[in-house]
């Protein structure tokens, strides 16, 4: 299925009283060639994050869901190659950037760029369901005239997931945005992540190569496509190295050669080692270990200590856009993740795990 990302594109429609109304596109999809007949409310529920069926049905009732240019009701059956758009009277909230006085942990700053240590739980940019409290809301409060990237995101060169902690570089000038974005595109930037994954990773180190694209059944997940299906995803390469074996989990270092959405989470799951407490990919269940109730309680306690996927963007390296100097940054493992590692360390010492 082709997905056209959210845009602030406008369209003009004529209302029943003869006045022209400006509508803003919030979502746009093109149904697959092999799309089986499916109610549009069900179709959209699987494709729009945080959207409930009630909200989608209400949008249809208001005439906000269009198929091939015509408003449809929620019981409309989606057909192959249908062009589906959700048009509303207000721009997408992610384009209404409100400056917010949110403190930033700035690791480095000069006139061209800054490096930030993002806490877990902070969304990088506004999007469906997260319109305030994001890193960009904070950036536009603290800094004026940040350059937009190709997606109209001020200052943003790259991103990490909401519940991933760690380092991000932010561009303060157009020159820095162009130069840094090129480094990420050409894979010359350096990024190392630390992850706790389920299971004992057999090889001390290895490389995972697998095209990543949207999961055909769960549109909120990505997955690896192989063989004849490779063209459904984009090439992705992750290099991993075992740092510490902790019984039923392993602490690994992951270096990214590419930067696909959820890349480490998807690649590690693909080789049978889902990230610890990664709810979206099934890591919030006990995937390895014993059936003893004491063990179950121990894991539950670890989940409470680290209520997110165990992933931290630890190091970041790139060339400075004006001086050409190689810049290298390192961030400490956050307290929640460190405590979880320590608990597993103690547990594995006292068991045969």
C-alpha atoms as a PDB file:
ATOM      1  CA  UNK A   1       0.000   0.000   0.000  1.00  0.00           C
ATOM      2  CA  UNK A   2       1.284   3.445  -0.839  1.00  0.00           C
ATOM      3  CA  UNK A   3       1.072   5.982   1.954  1.00  0.00           C
ATOM      4  CA  UNK A   4       1.203   9.691   1.284  1.00  0.00           C
ATOM      5  CA  UNK A   5       2.443  11.297   4.485  1.00  0.00           C
ATOM      6  CA  UNK A   6       0.471  13.943   6.328  1.00  0.00           C
ATOM      7  CA  UNK A   7       0.806  17.313   4.702  1.00  0.00           C
ATOM      8  CA  UNK A   8      -0.588  20.780   5.149  1.00  0.00           C
ATOM      9  CA  UNK A   9      -1.884  20.770   1.585  1.00  0.00           C
ATOM     10  CA  UNK A  10      -5.166  22.607   1.221  1.00  0.00           C
ATOM     11  CA  UNK A  11      -8.077  22.031  -1.059  1.00  0.00           C
ATOM     12  CA  UNK A  12     -11.183  24.120  -1.726  1.00  0.00           C
ATOM     13  CA  UNK A  13     -14.708  22.693  -1.689  1.00  0.00           C
ATOM     14  CA  UNK A  14     -18.055  24.363  -2.159  1.00  0.00           C
ATOM     15  CA  UNK A  15     -20.434  24.174   0.774  1.00  0.00           C
ATOM     16  CA  UNK A  16     -24.195  23.827   0.467  1.00  0.00           C
ATOM     17  CA  UNK A  17     -24.706  27.563   1.023  1.00  0.00           C
ATOM     18  CA  UNK A  18     -22.471  28.383  -1.949  1.00  0.00           C
ATOM     19  CA  UNK A  19     -19.447  29.558   0.058  1.00  0.00           C
ATOM     20  CA  UNK A  20     -15.965  28.201  -0.646  1.00  0.00           C
ATOM     21  CA  UNK A  21     -14.505  26.300   2.330  1.00  0.00           C
ATOM     22  CA  UNK A  22     -10.803  25.685   2.707  1.00  0.00           C
ATOM     23  CA  UNK A  23     -10.009  22.179   3.901  1.00  0.00           C
ATOM     24  CA  UNK A  24      -6.683  20.796   5.053  1.00  0.00           C
ATOM     25  CA  UNK A  25      -5.419  17.329   4.257  1.00  0.00           C
ATOM     26  CA  UNK A  26      -4.544  15.368   7.401  1.00  0.00           C
ATOM     27  CA  UNK A  27      -4.054  11.899   5.926  1.00  0.00           C
ATOM     28  CA  UNK A  28      -3.841  10.434   2.450  1.00  0.00           C
ATOM     29  CA  UNK A  29      -3.685   6.793   1.357  1.00  0.00           C
ATOM     30  CA  UNK A  30      -3.857   4.831  -1.885  1.00  0.00           C
ATOM     31  CA  UNK A  31      -5.327   1.340  -1.484  1.00  0.00           C
ATOM     32  CA  UNK A  32      -3.321  -1.647  -2.728  1.00  0.00           C
ATOM     33  CA  UNK A  33      -4.065  -3.261  -6.088  1.00  0.00           C
ATOM     34  CA  UNK A  34      -5.142  -6.396  -4.234  1.00  0.00           C
ATOM     35  CA  UNK A  35      -7.241  -4.634  -1.591  1.00  0.00           C
ATOM     36  CA  UNK A  36     -10.172  -6.813  -0.510  1.00  0.00           C
ATOM     37  CA  UNK A  37     -13.464  -4.978   0.180  1.00  0.00           C
ATOM     38  CA  UNK A  38     -13.234  -3.478   3.685  1.00  0.00           C
ATOM     39  CA  UNK A  39     -15.274  -0.847   5.507  1.00  0.00           C
ATOM     40  CA  UNK A  40     -13.420   2.442   5.425  1.00  0.00           C
ATOM     41  CA  UNK A  41     -13.664   2.957   9.192  1.00  0.00           C
ATOM     42  CA  UNK A  42     -11.848  -0.369   9.738  1.00  0.00           C
ATOM     43  CA  UNK A  43      -9.349   0.444   6.989  1.00  0.00           C
ATOM     44  CA  UNK A  44      -8.423   3.800   8.536  1.00  0.00           C
ATOM     45  CA  UNK A  45      -8.317   2.456  12.095  1.00  0.00           C
ATOM     46  CA  UNK A  46      -5.401   0.206  11.093  1.00  0.00           C
ATOM     47  CA  UNK A  47      -3.532   3.059   9.472  1.00  0.00           C
ATOM     48  CA  UNK A  48      -3.951   6.136  11.654  1.00  0.00           C
ATOM     49  CA  UNK A  49      -2.180   6.042  14.990  1.00  0.00           C
ATOM     50  CA  UNK A  50      -4.350   6.753  18.066  1.00  0.00           C
ATOM     51  CA  UNK A  51      -7.508   6.924  15.942  1.00  0.00           C
ATOM     52  CA  UNK A  52     -10.578   5.207  17.386  1.00  0.00           C
ATOM     53  CA  UNK A  53     -13.441   3.843  15.324  1.00  0.00           C
ATOM     54  CA  UNK A  54     -15.789   6.388  16.926  1.00  0.00           C
ATOM     55  CA  UNK A  55     -13.564   9.286  15.830  1.00  0.00           C
ATOM     56  CA  UNK A  56     -13.341   7.936  12.289  1.00  0.00           C
ATOM     57  CA  UNK A  57     -17.113   7.397  12.093  1.00  0.00           C
ATOM     58  CA  UNK A  58     -17.698  10.927  13.391  1.00  0.00           C
ATOM     59  CA  UNK A  59     -15.326  12.298  10.716  1.00  0.00           C
ATOM     60  CA  UNK A  60     -17.233  10.375   8.040  1.00  0.00           C
ATOM     61  CA  UNK A  61     -20.549  11.681   9.378  1.00  0.00           C
ATOM     62  CA  UNK A  62     -19.161  15.229   9.117  1.00  0.00           C
ATOM     63  CA  UNK A  63     -18.225  14.592   5.472  1.00  0.00           C
ATOM     64  CA  UNK A  64     -14.475  14.718   6.152  1.00  0.00           C
ATOM     65  CA  UNK A  65     -13.479  11.397   4.553  1.00  0.00           C
ATOM     66  CA  UNK A  66     -13.132  11.497   0.775  1.00  0.00           C
ATOM     67  CA  UNK A  67     -12.633   8.625  -1.670  1.00  0.00           C
ATOM     68  CA  UNK A  68     -11.648   9.594  -5.212  1.00  0.00           C
ATOM     69  CA  UNK A  69     -12.758  13.158  -4.483  1.00  0.00           C
ATOM     70  CA  UNK A  70     -16.203  12.340  -3.046  1.00  0.00           C
ATOM     71  CA  UNK A  71     -17.229  12.300   0.657  1.00  0.00           C
ATOM     72  CA  UNK A  72     -18.187   8.802   1.856  1.00  0.00           C
ATOM     73  CA  UNK A  73     -19.930   7.304   4.901  1.00  0.00           C
ATOM     74  CA  UNK A  74     -18.190   4.981   7.362  1.00  0.00           C
ATOM     75  CA  UNK A  75     -19.730   1.861   5.783  1.00  0.00           C
ATOM     76  CA  UNK A  76     -18.121   2.571   2.388  1.00  0.00           C
ATOM     77  CA  UNK A  77     -16.146  -0.476   1.182  1.00  0.00           C
ATOM     78  CA  UNK A  78     -12.585   0.351   0.146  1.00  0.00           C
ATOM     79  CA  UNK A  79     -11.678  -0.963  -3.330  1.00  0.00           C
ATOM     80  CA  UNK A  80      -8.301  -1.475  -5.065  1.00  0.00           C
ATOM     81  CA  UNK A  81      -6.446   1.778  -5.877  1.00  0.00           C
ATOM     82  CA  UNK A  82      -9.014   3.988  -4.108  1.00  0.00           C
ATOM     83  CA  UNK A  83      -7.544   7.401  -3.266  1.00  0.00           C
ATOM     84  CA  UNK A  84      -8.546   8.114   0.332  1.00  0.00           C
ATOM     85  CA  UNK A  85      -8.115  11.518   1.983  1.00  0.00           C
ATOM     86  CA  UNK A  86      -9.092  12.877   5.374  1.00  0.00           C
ATOM     87  CA  UNK A  87      -9.805  16.595   5.006  1.00  0.00           C
ATOM     88  CA  UNK A  88     -10.606  18.860   7.961  1.00  0.00           C
ATOM     89  CA  UNK A  89     -11.311  22.571   8.420  1.00  0.00           C
ATOM     90  CA  UNK A  90      -8.159  23.215  10.458  1.00  0.00           C
ATOM     91  CA  UNK A  91      -4.509  22.568   9.556  1.00  0.00           C
ATOM     92  CA  UNK A  92      -2.868  19.470  11.077  1.00  0.00           C
ATOM     93  CA  UNK A  93      -1.947  20.365  14.639  1.00  0.00           C
ATOM     94  CA  UNK A  94       1.658  19.390  14.032  1.00  0.00           C
ATOM     95  CA  UNK A  95       1.985  22.463  11.800  1.00  0.00           C
ATOM     96  CA  UNK A  96       0.628  24.782  14.484  1.00  0.00           C
ATOM     97  CA  UNK A  97       3.873  24.955  16.440  1.00  0.00           C
ATOM     98  CA  UNK A  98       3.370  26.547  19.836  1.00  0.00           C
ATOM     99  CA  UNK A  99       6.601  27.533  21.607  1.00  0.00           C
ATOM    100  CA  UNK A 100       6.736  25.869  25.020  1.00  0.00           C
ATOM    101  CA  UNK A 101       9.170  26.581  27.850  1.00  0.00           C
ATOM    102  CA  UNK A 102      10.415  23.019  28.250  1.00  0.00           C
ATOM    103  CA  UNK A 103      13.954  22.600  29.609  1.00  0.00           C
ATOM    104  CA  UNK A 104      16.512  21.029  27.283  1.00  0.00           C
ATOM    105  CA  UNK A 105      19.568  18.989  28.256  1.00  0.00           C
ATOM    106  CA  UNK A 106      22.069  20.653  25.898  1.00  0.00           C
ATOM    107  CA  UNK A 107      25.314  18.687  25.660  1.00  0.00           C
ATOM    108  CA  UNK A 108      27.006  21.045  23.167  1.00  0.00           C
ATOM    109  CA  UNK A 109      26.142  24.278  21.354  1.00  0.00           C
ATOM    110  CA  UNK A 110      27.764  26.703  18.928  1.00  0.00           C
ATOM    111  CA  UNK A 111      26.477  29.105  16.274  1.00  0.00           C
ATOM    112  CA  UNK A 112      25.759  26.275  13.790  1.00  0.00           C
ATOM    113  CA  UNK A 113      24.269  23.432  15.804  1.00  0.00           C
ATOM    114  CA  UNK A 114      23.437  21.957  19.169  1.00  0.00           C
ATOM    115  CA  UNK A 115      23.488  18.418  20.527  1.00  0.00           C
ATOM    116  CA  UNK A 116      20.684  17.430  22.890  1.00  0.00           C
ATOM    117  CA  UNK A 117      20.299  14.486  25.250  1.00  0.00           C
ATOM    118  CA  UNK A 118      16.590  13.663  24.878  1.00  0.00           C
ATOM    119  CA  UNK A 119      14.838  12.009  27.824  1.00  0.00           C
ATOM    120  CA  UNK A 120      12.630   8.960  27.296  1.00  0.00           C
ATOM    121  CA  UNK A 121       8.962   9.921  27.012  1.00  0.00           C
ATOM    122  CA  UNK A 122       9.533  13.093  24.980  1.00  0.00           C
ATOM    123  CA  UNK A 123       8.145  13.029  21.433  1.00  0.00           C
ATOM    124  CA  UNK A 124      10.571  14.572  18.933  1.00  0.00           C
ATOM    125  CA  UNK A 125       8.034  16.362  16.730  1.00  0.00           C
ATOM    126  CA  UNK A 126       4.279  16.964  16.855  1.00  0.00           C
ATOM    127  CA  UNK A 127       2.152  14.311  15.195  1.00  0.00           C
ATOM    128  CA  UNK A 128      -1.183  12.597  15.508  1.00  0.00           C
ATOM    129  CA  UNK A 129      -2.082  12.452  19.197  1.00  0.00           C
ATOM    130  CA  UNK A 130       1.014  14.380  20.328  1.00  0.00           C
ATOM    131  CA  UNK A 131       0.628  18.074  19.621  1.00  0.00           C
ATOM    132  CA  UNK A 132       2.414  19.613  22.584  1.00  0.00           C
ATOM    133  CA  UNK A 133       5.312  18.870  24.902  1.00  0.00           C
ATOM    134  CA  UNK A 134       7.534  17.792  22.017  1.00  0.00           C
ATOM    135  CA  UNK A 135      11.195  18.552  21.431  1.00  0.00           C
ATOM    136  CA  UNK A 136      10.280  20.902  18.575  1.00  0.00           C
ATOM    137  CA  UNK A 137       7.868  22.838  20.823  1.00  0.00           C
ATOM    138  CA  UNK A 138      10.839  23.348  23.151  1.00  0.00           C
ATOM    139  CA  UNK A 139      13.251  24.225  20.336  1.00  0.00           C
ATOM    140  CA  UNK A 140      11.058  26.965  18.838  1.00  0.00           C
ATOM    141  CA  UNK A 141      10.743  28.487  22.326  1.00  0.00           C
ATOM    142  CA  UNK A 142      14.489  28.556  23.010  1.00  0.00           C
ATOM    143  CA  UNK A 143      15.784  29.329  19.491  1.00  0.00           C
ATOM    144  CA  UNK A 144      14.626  31.735  16.778  1.00  0.00           C
ATOM    145  CA  UNK A 145      14.716  31.168  13.022  1.00  0.00           C
ATOM    146  CA  UNK A 146      15.648  27.500  13.046  1.00  0.00           C
ATOM    147  CA  UNK A 147      15.896  26.149   9.472  1.00  0.00           C
ATOM    148  CA  UNK A 148      13.202  23.725   8.308  1.00  0.00           C
ATOM    149  CA  UNK A 149      14.098  20.282   7.057  1.00  0.00           C
ATOM    150  CA  UNK A 150      12.428  18.709   4.006  1.00  0.00           C
ATOM    151  CA  UNK A 151       9.385  17.843   6.162  1.00  0.00           C
ATOM    152  CA  UNK A 152       9.050  21.389   7.518  1.00  0.00           C
ATOM    153  CA  UNK A 153      10.422  20.380  10.955  1.00  0.00           C
ATOM    154  CA  UNK A 154      12.486  23.235  12.447  1.00  0.00           C
ATOM    155  CA  UNK A 155      16.058  22.233  13.242  1.00  0.00           C
ATOM    156  CA  UNK A 156      15.474  18.497  12.954  1.00  0.00           C
ATOM    157  CA  UNK A 157      18.241  16.556  11.178  1.00  0.00           C
ATOM    158  CA  UNK A 158      17.203  13.094  12.430  1.00  0.00           C
ATOM    159  CA  UNK A 159      14.887  11.688  15.093  1.00  0.00           C
ATOM    160  CA  UNK A 160      14.579   8.986  17.717  1.00  0.00           C
ATOM    161  CA  UNK A 161      11.405   7.368  19.047  1.00  0.00           C
ATOM    162  CA  UNK A 162       9.414   8.834  21.925  1.00  0.00           C
ATOM    163  CA  UNK A 163      10.488   6.191  24.444  1.00  0.00           C
ATOM    164  CA  UNK A 164      14.099   6.009  23.270  1.00  0.00           C
ATOM    165  CA  UNK A 165      16.509   8.226  25.191  1.00  0.00           C
ATOM    166  CA  UNK A 166      19.717   9.771  23.932  1.00  0.00           C
ATOM    167  CA  UNK A 167      21.563  12.097  21.580  1.00  0.00           C
ATOM    168  CA  UNK A 168      20.227  14.208  18.721  1.00  0.00           C
ATOM    169  CA  UNK A 169      21.958  16.894  16.668  1.00  0.00           C
ATOM    170  CA  UNK A 170      19.907  20.008  15.827  1.00  0.00           C
ATOM    171  CA  UNK A 171      20.789  22.426  12.991  1.00  0.00           C
ATOM    172  CA  UNK A 172      20.668  26.151  13.739  1.00  0.00           C
ATOM    173  CA  UNK A 173      21.437  27.414  10.207  1.00  0.00           C
ATOM    174  CA  UNK A 174      20.473  26.452   6.656  1.00  0.00           C
ATOM    175  CA  UNK A 175      24.102  25.538   5.948  1.00  0.00           C
ATOM    176  CA  UNK A 176      24.231  23.227   8.962  1.00  0.00           C
ATOM    177  CA  UNK A 177      20.900  21.621   7.999  1.00  0.00           C
ATOM    178  CA  UNK A 178      22.118  20.874   4.463  1.00  0.00           C
ATOM    179  CA  UNK A 179      25.553  19.643   5.554  1.00  0.00           C
ATOM    180  CA  UNK A 180      24.356  17.457   8.440  1.00  0.00           C
ATOM    181  CA  UNK A 181      21.389  16.013   6.515  1.00  0.00           C
ATOM    182  CA  UNK A 182      23.788  15.016   3.738  1.00  0.00           C
ATOM    183  CA  UNK A 183      25.989  13.163   6.242  1.00  0.00           C
ATOM    184  CA  UNK A 184      23.022  11.182   7.551  1.00  0.00           C
ATOM    185  CA  UNK A 185      21.852  10.472   3.991  1.00  0.00           C
ATOM    186  CA  UNK A 186      25.333   9.344   2.903  1.00  0.00           C
ATOM    187  CA  UNK A 187      25.701   7.192   6.060  1.00  0.00           C
ATOM    188  CA  UNK A 188      28.866   8.984   7.188  1.00  0.00           C
ATOM    189  CA  UNK A 189      27.443   9.962  10.582  1.00  0.00           C
ATOM    190  CA  UNK A 190      28.130   7.584  13.471  1.00  0.00           C
ATOM    191  CA  UNK A 191      25.406   6.375  15.822  1.00  0.00           C
ATOM    192  CA  UNK A 192      25.675   3.766  18.529  1.00  0.00           C
ATOM    193  CA  UNK A 193      22.730   2.600  20.623  1.00  0.00           C
ATOM    194  CA  UNK A 194      22.599   0.421  23.723  1.00  0.00           C
ATOM    195  CA  UNK A 195      19.732  -2.066  23.990  1.00  0.00           C
ATOM    196  CA  UNK A 196      18.591  -4.771  26.365  1.00  0.00           C
ATOM    197  CA  UNK A 197      17.088  -7.579  24.314  1.00  0.00           C
ATOM    198  CA  UNK A 198      15.262 -10.777  25.207  1.00  0.00           C
ATOM    199  CA  UNK A 199      17.267 -14.008  25.059  1.00  0.00           C
ATOM    200  CA  UNK A 200      20.927 -14.963  24.951  1.00  0.00           C
ATOM    201  CA  UNK A 201      22.295 -13.562  21.668  1.00  0.00           C
ATOM    202  CA  UNK A 202      24.325 -16.445  20.302  1.00  0.00           C
ATOM    203  CA  UNK A 203      26.968 -14.654  18.227  1.00  0.00           C
ATOM    204  CA  UNK A 204      29.283 -12.144  19.912  1.00  0.00           C
ATOM    205  CA  UNK A 205      28.715  -9.790  17.001  1.00  0.00           C
ATOM    206  CA  UNK A 206      26.958  -9.707  13.680  1.00  0.00           C
ATOM    207  CA  UNK A 207      25.247  -7.685  10.970  1.00  0.00           C
ATOM    208  CA  UNK A 208      21.516  -7.682  10.240  1.00  0.00           C
ATOM    209  CA  UNK A 209      20.539  -6.775   6.681  1.00  0.00           C
ATOM    210  CA  UNK A 210      16.862  -6.757   5.876  1.00  0.00           C
ATOM    211  CA  UNK A 211      14.610  -4.369   3.974  1.00  0.00           C
ATOM    212  CA  UNK A 212      12.267  -2.562   6.382  1.00  0.00           C
ATOM    213  CA  UNK A 213       8.758  -1.413   5.545  1.00  0.00           C
ATOM    214  CA  UNK A 214       5.319  -1.103   7.106  1.00  0.00           C
ATOM    215  CA  UNK A 215       3.797  -4.301   8.439  1.00  0.00           C
ATOM    216  CA  UNK A 216       1.011  -5.377   6.032  1.00  0.00           C
ATOM    217  CA  UNK A 217      -1.426  -6.226   8.855  1.00  0.00           C
ATOM    218  CA  UNK A 218      -0.384  -3.921  11.700  1.00  0.00           C
ATOM    219  CA  UNK A 219       0.286  -0.512  10.176  1.00  0.00           C
ATOM    220  CA  UNK A 220       1.707   0.814  13.467  1.00  0.00           C
ATOM    221  CA  UNK A 221       4.601  -1.639  13.195  1.00  0.00           C
ATOM    222  CA  UNK A 222       7.391  -2.045  10.680  1.00  0.00           C
ATOM    223  CA  UNK A 223       8.745  -5.414   9.600  1.00  0.00           C
ATOM    224  CA  UNK A 224      11.538  -7.032   7.565  1.00  0.00           C
ATOM    225  CA  UNK A 225      10.818  -8.030   3.962  1.00  0.00           C
ATOM    226  CA  UNK A 226      13.027 -10.638   2.300  1.00  0.00           C
ATOM    227  CA  UNK A 227      13.379 -12.426  -1.040  1.00  0.00           C
ATOM    228  CA  UNK A 228      10.701 -11.558  -3.569  1.00  0.00           C
ATOM    229  CA  UNK A 229       9.104  -9.127  -1.097  1.00  0.00           C
ATOM    230  CA  UNK A 230      12.237  -6.996  -0.652  1.00  0.00           C
ATOM    231  CA  UNK A 231      10.837  -4.215  -2.811  1.00  0.00           C
ATOM    232  CA  UNK A 232       8.112  -3.628  -0.194  1.00  0.00           C
ATOM    233  CA  UNK A 233      10.742  -2.179   2.151  1.00  0.00           C
ATOM    234  CA  UNK A 234      13.859  -0.004   2.122  1.00  0.00           C
ATOM    235  CA  UNK A 235      17.397  -1.366   2.638  1.00  0.00           C
ATOM    236  CA  UNK A 236      18.498  -1.338   6.282  1.00  0.00           C
ATOM    237  CA  UNK A 237      21.754  -2.427   7.936  1.00  0.00           C
ATOM    238  CA  UNK A 238      22.411  -2.805  11.673  1.00  0.00           C
ATOM    239  CA  UNK A 239      25.715  -3.959  13.189  1.00  0.00           C
ATOM    240  CA  UNK A 240      25.419  -5.426  16.693  1.00  0.00           C
ATOM    241  CA  UNK A 241      27.886  -6.497  19.357  1.00  0.00           C
ATOM    242  CA  UNK A 242      27.214  -8.306  22.643  1.00  0.00           C
ATOM    243  CA  UNK A 243      28.390  -6.237  25.622  1.00  0.00           C
ATOM    244  CA  UNK A 244      27.111  -8.403  28.471  1.00  0.00           C
ATOM    245  CA  UNK A 245      25.145 -11.632  28.774  1.00  0.00           C
ATOM    246  CA  UNK A 246      22.634 -11.416  31.614  1.00  0.00           C
ATOM    247  CA  UNK A 247      20.926 -14.801  31.523  1.00  0.00           C
ATOM    248  CA  UNK A 248      17.545 -14.430  29.864  1.00  0.00           C
ATOM    249  CA  UNK A 249      18.423 -11.010  28.412  1.00  0.00           C
ATOM    250  CA  UNK A 250      21.505  -9.580  26.679  1.00  0.00           C
ATOM    251  CA  UNK A 251      22.980  -6.075  26.660  1.00  0.00           C
ATOM    252  CA  UNK A 252      23.998  -5.210  23.106  1.00  0.00           C
ATOM    253  CA  UNK A 253      25.527  -2.305  21.222  1.00  0.00           C
ATOM    254  CA  UNK A 254      23.923  -1.490  17.858  1.00  0.00           C
ATOM    255  CA  UNK A 255      25.534   0.701  15.219  1.00  0.00           C
ATOM    256  CA  UNK A 256      23.296   2.011  12.473  1.00  0.00           C
ATOM    257  CA  UNK A 257      24.419   2.126   8.867  1.00  0.00           C
ATOM    258  CA  UNK A 258      20.948   3.297   7.793  1.00  0.00           C
ATOM    259  CA  UNK A 259      18.224   5.126   9.695  1.00  0.00           C
ATOM    260  CA  UNK A 260      14.871   3.461   9.085  1.00  0.00           C
ATOM    261  CA  UNK A 261      11.929   3.976  11.434  1.00  0.00           C
ATOM    262  CA  UNK A 262      12.148   1.537  14.388  1.00  0.00           C
ATOM    263  CA  UNK A 263      15.218  -0.017  12.715  1.00  0.00           C
ATOM    264  CA  UNK A 264      16.881  -1.563  15.790  1.00  0.00           C
ATOM    265  CA  UNK A 265      13.536  -2.643  17.240  1.00  0.00           C
ATOM    266  CA  UNK A 266      12.544  -4.367  13.983  1.00  0.00           C
ATOM    267  CA  UNK A 267      15.931  -5.904  13.190  1.00  0.00           C
ATOM    268  CA  UNK A 268      16.478  -7.333  16.681  1.00  0.00           C
ATOM    269  CA  UNK A 269      12.969  -8.832  16.680  1.00  0.00           C
ATOM    270  CA  UNK A 270      13.699 -10.291  13.244  1.00  0.00           C
ATOM    271  CA  UNK A 271      16.643 -12.312  14.611  1.00  0.00           C
ATOM    272  CA  UNK A 272      14.574 -13.472  17.601  1.00  0.00           C
ATOM    273  CA  UNK A 273      15.704 -10.925  20.184  1.00  0.00           C
ATOM    274  CA  UNK A 274      12.903  -8.400  20.718  1.00  0.00           C
ATOM    275  CA  UNK A 275      13.818  -5.365  22.818  1.00  0.00           C
ATOM    276  CA  UNK A 276      13.012  -5.706  26.513  1.00  0.00           C
ATOM    277  CA  UNK A 277       9.673  -4.049  27.356  1.00  0.00           C
ATOM    278  CA  UNK A 278       9.056  -2.904  23.775  1.00  0.00           C
ATOM    279  CA  UNK A 279       5.275  -2.893  23.896  1.00  0.00           C
ATOM    280  CA  UNK A 280       4.714  -2.184  20.209  1.00  0.00           C
ATOM    281  CA  UNK A 281       6.744  -5.234  19.154  1.00  0.00           C
ATOM    282  CA  UNK A 282       5.717  -7.675  21.891  1.00  0.00           C
ATOM    283  CA  UNK A 283       8.654  -7.197  24.249  1.00  0.00           C
ATOM    284  CA  UNK A 284       6.411  -6.319  27.201  1.00  0.00           C
ATOM    285  CA  UNK A 285       5.675 -10.042  27.615  1.00  0.00           C
ATOM    286  CA  UNK A 286       8.035 -12.574  29.193  1.00  0.00           C
ATOM    287  CA  UNK A 287       9.678 -14.030  26.098  1.00  0.00           C
ATOM    288  CA  UNK A 288      12.469 -16.017  27.772  1.00  0.00           C
ATOM    289  CA  UNK A 289      12.923 -17.617  31.177  1.00  0.00           C
ATOM    290  CA  UNK A 290      11.253 -19.944  33.622  1.00  0.00           C
ATOM    291  CA  UNK A 291       7.641 -20.474  34.666  1.00  0.00           C
ATOM    292  CA  UNK A 292       8.381 -19.798  38.355  1.00  0.00           C
ATOM    293  CA  UNK A 293       6.151 -17.140  39.885  1.00  0.00           C
ATOM    294  CA  UNK A 294       9.200 -15.543  41.557  1.00  0.00           C
ATOM    295  CA  UNK A 295      10.777 -15.045  38.126  1.00  0.00           C
ATOM    296  CA  UNK A 296       7.557 -13.563  36.779  1.00  0.00           C
ATOM    297  CA  UNK A 297       7.492 -11.117  39.695  1.00  0.00           C
ATOM    298  CA  UNK A 298      11.157 -10.236  39.091  1.00  0.00           C
ATOM    299  CA  UNK A 299      10.473  -9.400  35.422  1.00  0.00           C
ATOM    300  CA  UNK A 300       7.370  -7.368  36.361  1.00  0.00           C
ATOM    301  CA  UNK A 301       9.561  -5.357  38.743  1.00  0.00           C
ATOM    302  CA  UNK A 302      12.046  -4.754  35.929  1.00  0.00           C
ATOM    303  CA  UNK A 303       9.196  -3.549  33.685  1.00  0.00           C
ATOM    304  CA  UNK A 304       8.154  -1.078  36.408  1.00  0.00           C
ATOM    305  CA  UNK A 305      11.723   0.198  36.741  1.00  0.00           C
ATOM    306  CA  UNK A 306      12.033   0.613  32.972  1.00  0.00           C
ATOM    307  CA  UNK A 307       8.513   1.356  31.661  1.00  0.00           C
ATOM    308  CA  UNK A 308       9.622   1.678  28.013  1.00  0.00           C
ATOM    309  CA  UNK A 309      11.671  -0.125  25.383  1.00  0.00           C
ATOM    310  CA  UNK A 310      15.252  -0.617  26.593  1.00  0.00           C
ATOM    311  CA  UNK A 311      16.976   1.554  23.987  1.00  0.00           C
ATOM    312  CA  UNK A 312      19.375   4.472  24.413  1.00  0.00           C
ATOM    313  CA  UNK A 313      21.141   6.519  21.701  1.00  0.00           C
ATOM    314  CA  UNK A 314      24.503   6.576  23.469  1.00  0.00           C
ATOM    315  CA  UNK A 315      27.012   8.031  21.011  1.00  0.00           C
ATOM    316  CA  UNK A 316      26.798  10.385  18.045  1.00  0.00           C
ATOM    317  CA  UNK A 317      29.529  11.403  15.604  1.00  0.00           C
ATOM    318  CA  UNK A 318      29.576  13.747  12.604  1.00  0.00           C
ATOM    319  CA  UNK A 319      31.730  16.350  10.849  1.00  0.00           C
ATOM    320  CA  UNK A 320      31.159  19.954  11.856  1.00  0.00           C
ATOM    321  CA  UNK A 321      29.430  21.764   8.957  1.00  0.00           C
ATOM    322  CA  UNK A 322      31.824  24.741   8.910  1.00  0.00           C
ATOM    323  CA  UNK A 323      35.115  23.600  10.477  1.00  0.00           C
ATOM    324  CA  UNK A 324      35.104  20.039   9.114  1.00  0.00           C
ATOM    325  CA  UNK A 325      36.211  18.826  12.548  1.00  0.00           C
ATOM    326  CA  UNK A 326      35.048  15.344  13.568  1.00  0.00           C
ATOM    327  CA  UNK A 327      32.685  15.805  16.515  1.00  0.00           C
ATOM    328  CA  UNK A 328      32.044  12.908  18.893  1.00  0.00           C
ATOM    329  CA  UNK A 329      29.544  12.835  21.749  1.00  0.00           C
ATOM    330  CA  UNK A 330      28.694  10.272  24.403  1.00  0.00           C
ATOM    331  CA  UNK A 331      25.798  10.202  26.870  1.00  0.00           C
ATOM    332  CA  UNK A 332      25.494   8.207  30.100  1.00  0.00           C
ATOM    333  CA  UNK A 333      23.027   5.339  30.323  1.00  0.00           C
ATOM    334  CA  UNK A 334      19.865   6.790  31.901  1.00  0.00           C
ATOM    335  CA  UNK A 335      19.004   5.796  35.443  1.00  0.00           C
ATOM    336  CA  UNK A 336      15.978   3.623  34.579  1.00  0.00           C
ATOM    337  CA  UNK A 337      17.959   1.528  32.123  1.00  0.00           C
ATOM    338  CA  UNK A 338      21.018   1.325  34.407  1.00  0.00           C
ATOM    339  CA  UNK A 339      18.867   0.044  37.293  1.00  0.00           C
ATOM    340  CA  UNK A 340      17.299  -2.574  35.029  1.00  0.00           C
ATOM    341  CA  UNK A 341      20.738  -3.777  33.869  1.00  0.00           C
ATOM    342  CA  UNK A 342      21.894  -3.989  37.488  1.00  0.00           C
ATOM    343  CA  UNK A 343      18.851  -6.041  38.491  1.00  0.00           C
ATOM    344  CA  UNK A 344      19.471  -8.531  35.688  1.00  0.00           C
ATOM    345  CA  UNK A 345      23.162  -8.606  36.566  1.00  0.00           C
ATOM    346  CA  UNK A 346      22.353  -9.603  40.140  1.00  0.00           C
ATOM    347  CA  UNK A 347      19.682 -12.074  39.045  1.00  0.00           C
ATOM    348  CA  UNK A 348      21.947 -13.843  36.550  1.00  0.00           C
ATOM    349  CA  UNK A 349      24.695 -14.225  39.179  1.00  0.00           C
ATOM    350  CA  UNK A 350      22.388 -16.147  41.475  1.00  0.00           C
ATOM    351  CA  UNK A 351      20.687 -18.405  38.927  1.00  0.00           C
ATOM    352  CA  UNK A 352      21.663 -20.836  36.213  1.00  0.00           C
ATOM    353  CA  UNK A 353      20.011 -18.621  33.610  1.00  0.00           C
END
